[in-house]
Amino acid sequence: MQKRVDDYISQYKEGYFSPLSQLARLTEEVGELAREVSHYHGEKPKKRTEEEKTVEEELGDIMFVLSCFANSLDIDMSEAFDIAMTKIETRDKNRWTPKTEEADSNDD
């Protein structure tokens, strides 16, 4: 995914935006995702005049901007994800009820 984004961005003289601009774009895209989730899963339906978008489309936009952000800082998102998952798997391993325990307690 990051290579595809880099291949696209590398076609243009402007290149990647600054990290601060990337963060602003990411925040904007997360806001658009929040709006879509609110429309589809919340109490505030879309106005008839509003364009139809999907949560999937907004997640894709976030992934694009996040890839640009990572690329501009020379961060491998796969490595960053592995670090995060290892931390979460270690820190939170006893935080939630495993499905096997839930099934066992339902048998009582």
PDB file of N, CA and C in Angstrom:
ATOM      1  N   MET A   1       0.841  -1.184   0.000  1.00  0.00           N
ATOM      2  CA  MET A   1       0.000   0.000   0.000  1.00  0.00           C
ATOM      3  C   MET A   1       0.893   1.257   0.000  1.00  0.00           C
ATOM      4  N   GLN A   2       1.913   1.261   0.858  1.00  0.00           N
ATOM      5  CA  GLN A   2       2.782   2.431   0.914  1.00  0.00           C
ATOM      6  C   GLN A   2       3.536   2.635  -0.405  1.00  0.00           C
ATOM      7  N   LYS A   3       3.930   1.564  -1.046  1.00  0.00           N
ATOM      8  CA  LYS A   3       4.651   1.673  -2.323  1.00  0.00           C
ATOM      9  C   LYS A   3       3.731   2.258  -3.392  1.00  0.00           C
ATOM     10  N   ARG A   4       2.507   1.789  -3.420  1.00  0.00           N
ATOM     11  CA  ARG A   4       1.552   2.304  -4.416  1.00  0.00           C
ATOM     12  C   ARG A   4       1.325   3.795  -4.216  1.00  0.00           C
ATOM     13  N   VAL A   5       1.188   4.221  -2.958  1.00  0.00           N
ATOM     14  CA  VAL A   5       1.019   5.645  -2.658  1.00  0.00           C
ATOM     15  C   VAL A   5       2.271   6.410  -3.078  1.00  0.00           C
ATOM     16  N   ASP A   6       3.447   5.868  -2.757  1.00  0.00           N
ATOM     17  CA  ASP A   6       4.692   6.546  -3.103  1.00  0.00           C
ATOM     18  C   ASP A   6       4.858   6.657  -4.620  1.00  0.00           C
ATOM     19  N   ASP A   7       4.503   5.595  -5.339  1.00  0.00           N
ATOM     20  CA  ASP A   7       4.575   5.640  -6.807  1.00  0.00           C
ATOM     21  C   ASP A   7       3.687   6.753  -7.348  1.00  0.00           C
ATOM     22  N   TYR A   8       2.521   6.923  -6.749  1.00  0.00           N
ATOM     23  CA  TYR A   8       1.595   7.966  -7.195  1.00  0.00           C
ATOM     24  C   TYR A   8       2.154   9.358  -6.874  1.00  0.00           C
ATOM     25  N   ILE A   9       2.525   9.576  -5.615  1.00  0.00           N
ATOM     26  CA  ILE A   9       2.993  10.894  -5.174  1.00  0.00           C
ATOM     27  C   ILE A   9       4.289  11.288  -5.883  1.00  0.00           C
ATOM     28  N   SER A  10       5.137  10.313  -6.161  1.00  0.00           N
ATOM     29  CA  SER A  10       6.438  10.586  -6.790  1.00  0.00           C
ATOM     30  C   SER A  10       6.324  11.136  -8.211  1.00  0.00           C
ATOM     31  N   GLN A  11       5.157  11.066  -8.797  1.00  0.00           N
ATOM     32  CA  GLN A  11       4.944  11.606 -10.139  1.00  0.00           C
ATOM     33  C   GLN A  11       4.919  13.129 -10.160  1.00  0.00           C
ATOM     34  N   TYR A  12       4.766  13.750  -9.006  1.00  0.00           N
ATOM     35  CA  TYR A  12       4.526  15.181  -8.936  1.00  0.00           C
ATOM     36  C   TYR A  12       5.654  15.905  -8.221  1.00  0.00           C
ATOM     37  N   LYS A  13       6.009  17.074  -8.733  1.00  0.00           N
ATOM     38  CA  LYS A  13       7.101  17.876  -8.167  1.00  0.00           C
ATOM     39  C   LYS A  13       6.845  18.246  -6.709  1.00  0.00           C
ATOM     40  N   GLU A  14       5.585  18.469  -6.373  1.00  0.00           N
ATOM     41  CA  GLU A  14       5.263  18.924  -5.015  1.00  0.00           C
ATOM     42  C   GLU A  14       5.592  17.866  -3.957  1.00  0.00           C
ATOM     43  N   GLY A  15       5.484  16.592  -4.313  1.00  0.00           N
ATOM     44  CA  GLY A  15       5.784  15.519  -3.359  1.00  0.00           C
ATOM     45  C   GLY A  15       4.821  15.501  -2.187  1.00  0.00           C
ATOM     46  N   TYR A  16       5.315  15.036  -1.070  1.00  0.00           N
ATOM     47  CA  TYR A  16       4.494  14.929   0.138  1.00  0.00           C
ATOM     48  C   TYR A  16       4.347  16.281   0.818  1.00  0.00           C
ATOM     49  N   PHE A  17       3.202  16.475   1.446  1.00  0.00           N
ATOM     50  CA  PHE A  17       2.998  17.663   2.261  1.00  0.00           C
ATOM     51  C   PHE A  17       3.842  17.539   3.528  1.00  0.00           C
ATOM     52  N   SER A  18       3.990  18.626   4.251  1.00  0.00           N
ATOM     53  CA  SER A  18       4.732  18.619   5.512  1.00  0.00           C
ATOM     54  C   SER A  18       3.991  17.757   6.541  1.00  0.00           C
ATOM     55  N   PRO A  19       4.691  17.271   7.552  1.00  0.00           N
ATOM     56  CA  PRO A  19       4.010  16.467   8.591  1.00  0.00           C
ATOM     57  C   PRO A  19       2.826  17.194   9.233  1.00  0.00           C
ATOM     58  N   LEU A  20       2.960  18.477   9.458  1.00  0.00           N
ATOM     59  CA  LEU A  20       1.856  19.219  10.068  1.00  0.00           C
ATOM     60  C   LEU A  20       0.641  19.261   9.144  1.00  0.00           C
ATOM     61  N   SER A  21       0.877  19.452   7.854  1.00  0.00           N
ATOM     62  CA  SER A  21      -0.227  19.425   6.891  1.00  0.00           C
ATOM     63  C   SER A  21      -0.834  18.032   6.782  1.00  0.00           C
ATOM     64  N   GLN A  22       0.024  17.010   6.854  1.00  0.00           N
ATOM     65  CA  GLN A  22      -0.467  15.625   6.815  1.00  0.00           C
ATOM     66  C   GLN A  22      -1.380  15.363   8.014  1.00  0.00           C
ATOM     67  N   LEU A  23      -0.977  15.841   9.170  1.00  0.00           N
ATOM     68  CA  LEU A  23      -1.789  15.648  10.369  1.00  0.00           C
ATOM     69  C   LEU A  23      -3.129  16.366  10.240  1.00  0.00           C
ATOM     70  N   ALA A  24      -3.108  17.557   9.674  1.00  0.00           N
ATOM     71  CA  ALA A  24      -4.363  18.295   9.454  1.00  0.00           C
ATOM     72  C   ALA A  24      -5.265  17.522   8.496  1.00  0.00           C
ATOM     73  N   ARG A  25      -4.700  16.979   7.425  1.00  0.00           N
ATOM     74  CA  ARG A  25      -5.490  16.188   6.467  1.00  0.00           C
ATOM     75  C   ARG A  25      -6.046  14.940   7.122  1.00  0.00           C
ATOM     76  N   LEU A  26      -5.233  14.273   7.933  1.00  0.00           N
ATOM     77  CA  LEU A  26      -5.689  13.066   8.623  1.00  0.00           C
ATOM     78  C   LEU A  26      -6.848  13.393   9.564  1.00  0.00           C
ATOM     79  N   THR A  27      -6.721  14.492  10.278  1.00  0.00           N
ATOM     80  CA  THR A  27      -7.786  14.923  11.193  1.00  0.00           C
ATOM     81  C   THR A  27      -9.065  15.216  10.421  1.00  0.00           C
ATOM     82  N   GLU A  28      -8.927  15.859   9.271  1.00  0.00           N
ATOM     83  CA  GLU A  28     -10.087  16.142   8.419  1.00  0.00           C
ATOM     84  C   GLU A  28     -10.760  14.852   7.961  1.00  0.00           C
ATOM     85  N   GLU A  29      -9.970  13.889   7.532  1.00  0.00           N
ATOM     86  CA  GLU A  29     -10.528  12.618   7.060  1.00  0.00           C
ATOM     87  C   GLU A  29     -11.194  11.837   8.198  1.00  0.00           C
ATOM     88  N   VAL A  30     -10.616  11.878   9.385  1.00  0.00           N
ATOM     89  CA  VAL A  30     -11.240  11.198  10.533  1.00  0.00           C
ATOM     90  C   VAL A  30     -12.570  11.866  10.854  1.00  0.00           C
ATOM     91  N   GLY A  31     -12.636  13.181  10.721  1.00  0.00           N
ATOM     92  CA  GLY A  31     -13.904  13.895  10.907  1.00  0.00           C
ATOM     93  C   GLY A  31     -14.953  13.458   9.900  1.00  0.00           C
ATOM     94  N   GLU A  32     -14.532  13.260   8.649  1.00  0.00           N
ATOM     95  CA  GLU A  32     -15.472  12.797   7.622  1.00  0.00           C
ATOM     96  C   GLU A  32     -15.946  11.375   7.927  1.00  0.00           C
ATOM     97  N   LEU A  33     -15.060  10.541   8.441  1.00  0.00           N
ATOM     98  CA  LEU A  33     -15.462   9.196   8.860  1.00  0.00           C
ATOM     99  C   LEU A  33     -16.479   9.274   9.994  1.00  0.00           C
ATOM    100  N   ALA A  34     -16.217  10.139  10.962  1.00  0.00           N
ATOM    101  CA  ALA A  34     -17.145  10.303  12.089  1.00  0.00           C
ATOM    102  C   ALA A  34     -18.520  10.728  11.598  1.00  0.00           C
ATOM    103  N   ARG A  35     -18.540  11.606  10.642  1.00  0.00           N
ATOM    104  CA  ARG A  35     -19.821  12.074  10.092  1.00  0.00           C
ATOM    105  C   ARG A  35     -20.571  10.927   9.419  1.00  0.00           C
ATOM    106  N   GLU A  36     -19.862  10.115   8.641  1.00  0.00           N
ATOM    107  CA  GLU A  36     -20.507   8.982   7.973  1.00  0.00           C
ATOM    108  C   GLU A  36     -21.030   7.967   8.986  1.00  0.00           C
ATOM    109  N   VAL A  37     -20.235   7.661   9.994  1.00  0.00           N
ATOM    110  CA  VAL A  37     -20.677   6.708  11.025  1.00  0.00           C
ATOM    111  C   VAL A  37     -21.904   7.263  11.736  1.00  0.00           C
ATOM    112  N   SER A  38     -21.889   8.546  12.026  1.00  0.00           N
ATOM    113  CA  SER A  38     -23.030   9.175  12.675  1.00  0.00           C
ATOM    114  C   SER A  38     -24.288   9.069  11.816  1.00  0.00           C
ATOM    115  N   HIS A  39     -24.139   9.258  10.505  1.00  0.00           N
ATOM    116  CA  HIS A  39     -25.295   9.185   9.612  1.00  0.00           C
ATOM    117  C   HIS A  39     -25.848   7.771   9.506  1.00  0.00           C
ATOM    118  N   TYR A  40     -24.981   6.794   9.413  1.00  0.00           N
ATOM    119  CA  TYR A  40     -25.435   5.414   9.192  1.00  0.00           C
ATOM    120  C   TYR A  40     -25.768   4.677  10.488  1.00  0.00           C
ATOM    121  N   HIS A  41     -25.110   5.050  11.583  1.00  0.00           N
ATOM    122  CA  HIS A  41     -25.286   4.294  12.819  1.00  0.00           C
ATOM    123  C   HIS A  41     -25.765   5.160  13.983  1.00  0.00           C
ATOM    124  N   GLY A  42     -25.975   6.430  13.747  1.00  0.00           N
ATOM    125  CA  GLY A  42     -26.393   7.338  14.807  1.00  0.00           C
ATOM    126  C   GLY A  42     -27.805   7.844  14.597  1.00  0.00           C
ATOM    127  N   GLU A  43     -28.111   8.886  15.303  1.00  0.00           N
ATOM    128  CA  GLU A  43     -29.471   9.424  15.288  1.00  0.00           C
ATOM    129  C   GLU A  43     -29.664  10.549  14.277  1.00  0.00           C
ATOM    130  N   LYS A  44     -28.607  10.937  13.577  1.00  0.00           N
ATOM    131  CA  LYS A  44     -28.695  12.087  12.671  1.00  0.00           C
ATOM    132  C   LYS A  44     -28.572  11.629  11.224  1.00  0.00           C
ATOM    133  N   PRO A  45     -29.705  11.392  10.552  1.00  0.00           N
ATOM    134  CA  PRO A  45     -29.639  10.966   9.150  1.00  0.00           C
ATOM    135  C   PRO A  45     -29.119  12.093   8.257  1.00  0.00           C
ATOM    136  N   LYS A  46     -28.651  11.705   7.090  1.00  0.00           N
ATOM    137  CA  LYS A  46     -28.166  12.682   6.116  1.00  0.00           C
ATOM    138  C   LYS A  46     -29.317  13.535   5.607  1.00  0.00           C
ATOM    139  N   LYS A  47     -28.961  14.756   5.215  1.00  0.00           N
ATOM    140  CA  LYS A  47     -29.937  15.605   4.521  1.00  0.00           C
ATOM    141  C   LYS A  47     -30.084  15.066   3.105  1.00  0.00           C
ATOM    142  N   ARG A  48     -31.193  15.303   2.503  1.00  0.00           N
ATOM    143  CA  ARG A  48     -31.410  14.831   1.122  1.00  0.00           C
ATOM    144  C   ARG A  48     -30.406  15.433   0.147  1.00  0.00           C
ATOM    145  N   THR A  49     -29.888  16.610   0.481  1.00  0.00           N
ATOM    146  CA  THR A  49     -28.957  17.298  -0.416  1.00  0.00           C
ATOM    147  C   THR A  49     -27.511  16.822  -0.243  1.00  0.00           C
ATOM    148  N   GLU A  50     -27.249  16.015   0.790  1.00  0.00           N
ATOM    149  CA  GLU A  50     -25.877  15.565   1.043  1.00  0.00           C
ATOM    150  C   GLU A  50     -25.500  14.394   0.158  1.00  0.00           C
ATOM    151  N   GLU A  51     -24.248  14.424  -0.305  1.00  0.00           N
ATOM    152  CA  GLU A  51     -23.719  13.382  -1.168  1.00  0.00           C
ATOM    153  C   GLU A  51     -23.590  12.057  -0.407  1.00  0.00           C
ATOM    154  N   GLU A  52     -23.936  10.965  -1.097  1.00  0.00           N
ATOM    155  CA  GLU A  52     -23.793   9.637  -0.510  1.00  0.00           C
ATOM    156  C   GLU A  52     -22.322   9.252  -0.493  1.00  0.00           C
ATOM    157  N   LYS A  53     -21.821   8.920   0.655  1.00  0.00           N
ATOM    158  CA  LYS A  53     -20.475   8.384   0.809  1.00  0.00           C
ATOM    159  C   LYS A  53     -20.628   7.133   1.648  1.00  0.00           C
ATOM    160  N   THR A  54     -19.557   6.419   1.810  1.00  0.00           N
ATOM    161  CA  THR A  54     -19.636   5.224   2.631  1.00  0.00           C
ATOM    162  C   THR A  54     -18.518   5.243   3.659  1.00  0.00           C
ATOM    163  N   VAL A  55     -18.715   4.485   4.708  1.00  0.00           N
ATOM    164  CA  VAL A  55     -17.681   4.321   5.716  1.00  0.00           C
ATOM    165  C   VAL A  55     -16.441   3.723   5.054  1.00  0.00           C
ATOM    166  N   GLU A  56     -16.650   2.787   4.139  1.00  0.00           N
ATOM    167  CA  GLU A  56     -15.527   2.161   3.427  1.00  0.00           C
ATOM    168  C   GLU A  56     -14.697   3.204   2.678  1.00  0.00           C
ATOM    169  N   GLU A  57     -15.363   4.116   1.999  1.00  0.00           N
ATOM    170  CA  GLU A  57     -14.666   5.166   1.249  1.00  0.00           C
ATOM    171  C   GLU A  57     -13.851   6.053   2.189  1.00  0.00           C
ATOM    172  N   GLU A  58     -14.445   6.410   3.309  1.00  0.00           N
ATOM    173  CA  GLU A  58     -13.747   7.269   4.270  1.00  0.00           C
ATOM    174  C   GLU A  58     -12.558   6.542   4.902  1.00  0.00           C
ATOM    175  N   LEU A  59     -12.710   5.255   5.204  1.00  0.00           N
ATOM    176  CA  LEU A  59     -11.579   4.488   5.720  1.00  0.00           C
ATOM    177  C   LEU A  59     -10.455   4.434   4.688  1.00  0.00           C
ATOM    178  N   GLY A  60     -10.809   4.286   3.419  1.00  0.00           N
ATOM    179  CA  GLY A  60      -9.813   4.297   2.348  1.00  0.00           C
ATOM    180  C   GLY A  60      -9.072   5.622   2.281  1.00  0.00           C
ATOM    181  N   ASP A  61      -9.804   6.721   2.429  1.00  0.00           N
ATOM    182  CA  ASP A  61      -9.170   8.045   2.434  1.00  0.00           C
ATOM    183  C   ASP A  61      -8.181   8.160   3.597  1.00  0.00           C
ATOM    184  N   ILE A  62      -8.573   7.658   4.758  1.00  0.00           N
ATOM    185  CA  ILE A  62      -7.688   7.698   5.929  1.00  0.00           C
ATOM    186  C   ILE A  62      -6.434   6.869   5.670  1.00  0.00           C
ATOM    187  N   MET A  63      -6.608   5.706   5.063  1.00  0.00           N
ATOM    188  CA  MET A  63      -5.453   4.849   4.779  1.00  0.00           C
ATOM    189  C   MET A  63      -4.497   5.533   3.798  1.00  0.00           C
ATOM    190  N   PHE A  64      -5.039   6.234   2.806  1.00  0.00           N
ATOM    191  CA  PHE A  64      -4.200   6.962   1.858  1.00  0.00           C
ATOM    192  C   PHE A  64      -3.400   8.050   2.573  1.00  0.00           C
ATOM    193  N   VAL A  65      -4.085   8.880   3.362  1.00  0.00           N
ATOM    194  CA  VAL A  65      -3.412   9.978   4.049  1.00  0.00           C
ATOM    195  C   VAL A  65      -2.407   9.432   5.061  1.00  0.00           C
ATOM    196  N   LEU A  66      -2.775   8.377   5.760  1.00  0.00           N
ATOM    197  CA  LEU A  66      -1.858   7.769   6.727  1.00  0.00           C
ATOM    198  C   LEU A  66      -0.616   7.211   6.023  1.00  0.00           C
ATOM    199  N   SER A  67      -0.795   6.639   4.842  1.00  0.00           N
ATOM    200  CA  SER A  67       0.342   6.152   4.057  1.00  0.00           C
ATOM    201  C   SER A  67       1.230   7.314   3.620  1.00  0.00           C
ATOM    202  N   CYS A  68       0.617   8.404   3.193  1.00  0.00           N
ATOM    203  CA  CYS A  68       1.403   9.594   2.833  1.00  0.00           C
ATOM    204  C   CYS A  68       2.193  10.093   4.036  1.00  0.00           C
ATOM    205  N   PHE A  69       1.537  10.161   5.172  1.00  0.00           N
ATOM    206  CA  PHE A  69       2.171  10.633   6.400  1.00  0.00           C
ATOM    207  C   PHE A  69       3.371   9.749   6.745  1.00  0.00           C
ATOM    208  N   ALA A  70       3.159   8.451   6.747  1.00  0.00           N
ATOM    209  CA  ALA A  70       4.236   7.509   7.073  1.00  0.00           C
ATOM    210  C   ALA A  70       5.370   7.612   6.057  1.00  0.00           C
ATOM    211  N   ASN A  71       5.033   7.643   4.784  1.00  0.00           N
ATOM    212  CA  ASN A  71       6.060   7.739   3.742  1.00  0.00           C
ATOM    213  C   ASN A  71       6.886   9.012   3.885  1.00  0.00           C
ATOM    214  N   SER A  72       6.220  10.116   4.187  1.00  0.00           N
ATOM    215  CA  SER A  72       6.932  11.396   4.293  1.00  0.00           C
ATOM    216  C   SER A  72       7.923  11.386   5.453  1.00  0.00           C
ATOM    217  N   LEU A  73       7.684  10.530   6.438  1.00  0.00           N
ATOM    218  CA  LEU A  73       8.580  10.420   7.603  1.00  0.00           C
ATOM    219  C   LEU A  73       9.442   9.171   7.546  1.00  0.00           C
ATOM    220  N   ASP A  74       9.383   8.462   6.412  1.00  0.00           N
ATOM    221  CA  ASP A  74      10.160   7.234   6.197  1.00  0.00           C
ATOM    222  C   ASP A  74       9.865   6.188   7.284  1.00  0.00           C
ATOM    223  N   ILE A  75       8.580   6.004   7.558  1.00  0.00           N
ATOM    224  CA  ILE A  75       8.122   5.021   8.547  1.00  0.00           C
ATOM    225  C   ILE A  75       7.448   3.872   7.805  1.00  0.00           C
ATOM    226  N   ASP A  76       7.871   2.665   8.097  1.00  0.00           N
ATOM    227  CA  ASP A  76       7.249   1.464   7.521  1.00  0.00           C
ATOM    228  C   ASP A  76       6.020   1.143   8.363  1.00  0.00           C
ATOM    229  N   MET A  77       4.849   1.251   7.757  1.00  0.00           N
ATOM    230  CA  MET A  77       3.606   1.039   8.499  1.00  0.00           C
ATOM    231  C   MET A  77       3.471  -0.392   9.001  1.00  0.00           C
ATOM    232  N   SER A  78       4.010  -1.359   8.276  1.00  0.00           N
ATOM    233  CA  SER A  78       3.952  -2.751   8.739  1.00  0.00           C
ATOM    234  C   SER A  78       4.752  -2.911  10.029  1.00  0.00           C
ATOM    235  N   GLU A  79       5.930  -2.299  10.075  1.00  0.00           N
ATOM    236  CA  GLU A  79       6.745  -2.361  11.298  1.00  0.00           C
ATOM    237  C   GLU A  79       6.058  -1.623  12.443  1.00  0.00           C
ATOM    238  N   ALA A  80       5.505  -0.459  12.145  1.00  0.00           N
ATOM    239  CA  ALA A  80       4.801   0.309  13.177  1.00  0.00           C
ATOM    240  C   ALA A  80       3.603  -0.480  13.713  1.00  0.00           C
ATOM    241  N   PHE A  81       2.879  -1.153  12.803  1.00  0.00           N
ATOM    242  CA  PHE A  81       1.732  -1.972  13.212  1.00  0.00           C
ATOM    243  C   PHE A  81       2.190  -3.145  14.083  1.00  0.00           C
ATOM    244  N   ASP A  82       3.279  -3.811  13.691  1.00  0.00           N
ATOM    245  CA  ASP A  82       3.801  -4.932  14.484  1.00  0.00           C
ATOM    246  C   ASP A  82       4.177  -4.486  15.889  1.00  0.00           C
ATOM    247  N   ILE A  83       4.803  -3.328  16.003  1.00  0.00           N
ATOM    248  CA  ILE A  83       5.172  -2.792  17.318  1.00  0.00           C
ATOM    249  C   ILE A  83       3.913  -2.543  18.148  1.00  0.00           C
ATOM    250  N   ALA A  84       2.911  -1.924  17.523  1.00  0.00           N
ATOM    251  CA  ALA A  84       1.665  -1.630  18.234  1.00  0.00           C
ATOM    252  C   ALA A  84       0.953  -2.907  18.664  1.00  0.00           C
ATOM    253  N   MET A  85       0.869  -3.896  17.772  1.00  0.00           N
ATOM    254  CA  MET A  85       0.177  -5.142  18.107  1.00  0.00           C
ATOM    255  C   MET A  85       0.886  -5.898  19.221  1.00  0.00           C
ATOM    256  N   THR A  86       2.211  -5.922  19.188  1.00  0.00           N
ATOM    257  CA  THR A  86       2.969  -6.589  20.254  1.00  0.00           C
ATOM    258  C   THR A  86       2.684  -5.917  21.591  1.00  0.00           C
ATOM    259  N   LYS A  87       2.670  -4.598  21.590  1.00  0.00           N
ATOM    260  CA  LYS A  87       2.380  -3.843  22.818  1.00  0.00           C
ATOM    261  C   LYS A  87       0.967  -4.165  23.305  1.00  0.00           C
ATOM    262  N   ILE A  88       0.002  -4.141  22.406  1.00  0.00           N
ATOM    263  CA  ILE A  88      -1.399  -4.384  22.771  1.00  0.00           C
ATOM    264  C   ILE A  88      -1.597  -5.823  23.238  1.00  0.00           C
ATOM    265  N   GLU A  89      -1.018  -6.762  22.508  1.00  0.00           N
ATOM    266  CA  GLU A  89      -1.155  -8.180  22.871  1.00  0.00           C
ATOM    267  C   GLU A  89      -0.541  -8.475  24.229  1.00  0.00           C
ATOM    268  N   THR A  90       0.495  -7.734  24.587  1.00  0.00           N
ATOM    269  CA  THR A  90       1.144  -7.928  25.892  1.00  0.00           C
ATOM    270  C   THR A  90       0.386  -7.188  26.987  1.00  0.00           C
ATOM    271  N   ARG A  91       0.145  -5.916  26.763  1.00  0.00           N
ATOM    272  CA  ARG A  91      -0.484  -5.066  27.776  1.00  0.00           C
ATOM    273  C   ARG A  91      -1.922  -5.481  28.075  1.00  0.00           C
ATOM    274  N   ASP A  92      -2.666  -5.854  27.049  1.00  0.00           N
ATOM    275  CA  ASP A  92      -4.102  -6.090  27.202  1.00  0.00           C
ATOM    276  C   ASP A  92      -4.495  -7.565  27.181  1.00  0.00           C
ATOM    277  N   LYS A  93      -3.523  -8.463  27.301  1.00  0.00           N
ATOM    278  CA  LYS A  93      -3.839  -9.886  27.139  1.00  0.00           C
ATOM    279  C   LYS A  93      -4.833 -10.402  28.181  1.00  0.00           C
ATOM    280  N   ASN A  94      -4.902  -9.798  29.351  1.00  0.00           N
ATOM    281  CA  ASN A  94      -5.849 -10.250  30.377  1.00  0.00           C
ATOM    282  C   ASN A  94      -6.971  -9.243  30.620  1.00  0.00           C
ATOM    283  N   ARG A  95      -7.105  -8.297  29.735  1.00  0.00           N
ATOM    284  CA  ARG A  95      -8.087  -7.229  29.912  1.00  0.00           C
ATOM    285  C   ARG A  95      -9.498  -7.659  29.537  1.00  0.00           C
ATOM    286  N   TRP A  96      -9.631  -8.549  28.581  1.00  0.00           N
ATOM    287  CA  TRP A  96     -10.931  -8.928  28.043  1.00  0.00           C
ATOM    288  C   TRP A  96     -11.213 -10.396  28.333  1.00  0.00           C
ATOM    289  N   THR A  97     -12.463 -10.765  28.259  1.00  0.00           N
ATOM    290  CA  THR A  97     -12.866 -12.147  28.514  1.00  0.00           C
ATOM    291  C   THR A  97     -12.691 -12.970  27.246  1.00  0.00           C
ATOM    292  N   PRO A  98     -11.813 -13.981  27.280  1.00  0.00           N
ATOM    293  CA  PRO A  98     -11.654 -14.837  26.095  1.00  0.00           C
ATOM    294  C   PRO A  98     -12.965 -15.548  25.760  1.00  0.00           C
ATOM    295  N   LYS A  99     -13.218 -15.747  24.495  1.00  0.00           N
ATOM    296  CA  LYS A  99     -14.454 -16.407  24.064  1.00  0.00           C
ATOM    297  C   LYS A  99     -14.567 -17.809  24.653  1.00  0.00           C
ATOM    298  N   THR A 100     -13.466 -18.502  24.838  1.00  0.00           N
ATOM    299  CA  THR A 100     -13.538 -19.855  25.410  1.00  0.00           C
ATOM    300  C   THR A 100     -14.055 -19.821  26.832  1.00  0.00           C
ATOM    301  N   GLU A 101     -13.661 -18.809  27.620  1.00  0.00           N
ATOM    302  CA  GLU A 101     -14.174 -18.688  28.992  1.00  0.00           C
ATOM    303  C   GLU A 101     -15.656 -18.355  28.987  1.00  0.00           C
ATOM    304  N   GLU A 102     -16.078 -17.514  28.058  1.00  0.00           N
ATOM    305  CA  GLU A 102     -17.477 -17.134  27.945  1.00  0.00           C
ATOM    306  C   GLU A 102     -18.329 -18.364  27.629  1.00  0.00           C
ATOM    307  N   ALA A 103     -17.844 -19.188  26.694  1.00  0.00           N
ATOM    308  CA  ALA A 103     -18.571 -20.403  26.321  1.00  0.00           C
ATOM    309  C   ALA A 103     -18.644 -21.353  27.520  1.00  0.00           C
ATOM    310  N   ASP A 104     -17.547 -21.465  28.283  1.00  0.00           N
ATOM    311  CA  ASP A 104     -17.523 -22.330  29.449  1.00  0.00           C
ATOM    312  C   ASP A 104     -18.521 -21.877  30.509  1.00  0.00           C
ATOM    313  N   SER A 105     -18.634 -20.550  30.706  1.00  0.00           N
ATOM    314  CA  SER A 105     -19.556 -20.047  31.730  1.00  0.00           C
ATOM    315  C   SER A 105     -21.022 -20.199  31.284  1.00  0.00           C
ATOM    316  N   ASN A 106     -21.269 -20.235  29.996  1.00  0.00           N
ATOM    317  CA  ASN A 106     -22.635 -20.450  29.485  1.00  0.00           C
ATOM    318  C   ASN A 106     -23.082 -21.886  29.663  1.00  0.00           C
ATOM    319  N   ASP A 107     -22.138 -22.815  29.817  1.00  0.00           N
ATOM    320  CA  ASP A 107     -22.467 -24.224  29.987  1.00  0.00           C
ATOM    321  C   ASP A 107     -22.988 -24.521  31.393  1.00  0.00           C
ATOM    322  N   ASP A 108     -22.798 -23.603  32.342  1.00  0.00           N
ATOM    323  CA  ASP A 108     -23.202 -23.833  33.735  1.00  0.00           C
ATOM    324  C   ASP A 108     -24.696 -23.879  33.909  1.00  0.00           C
TER     325      ASP A 108
END
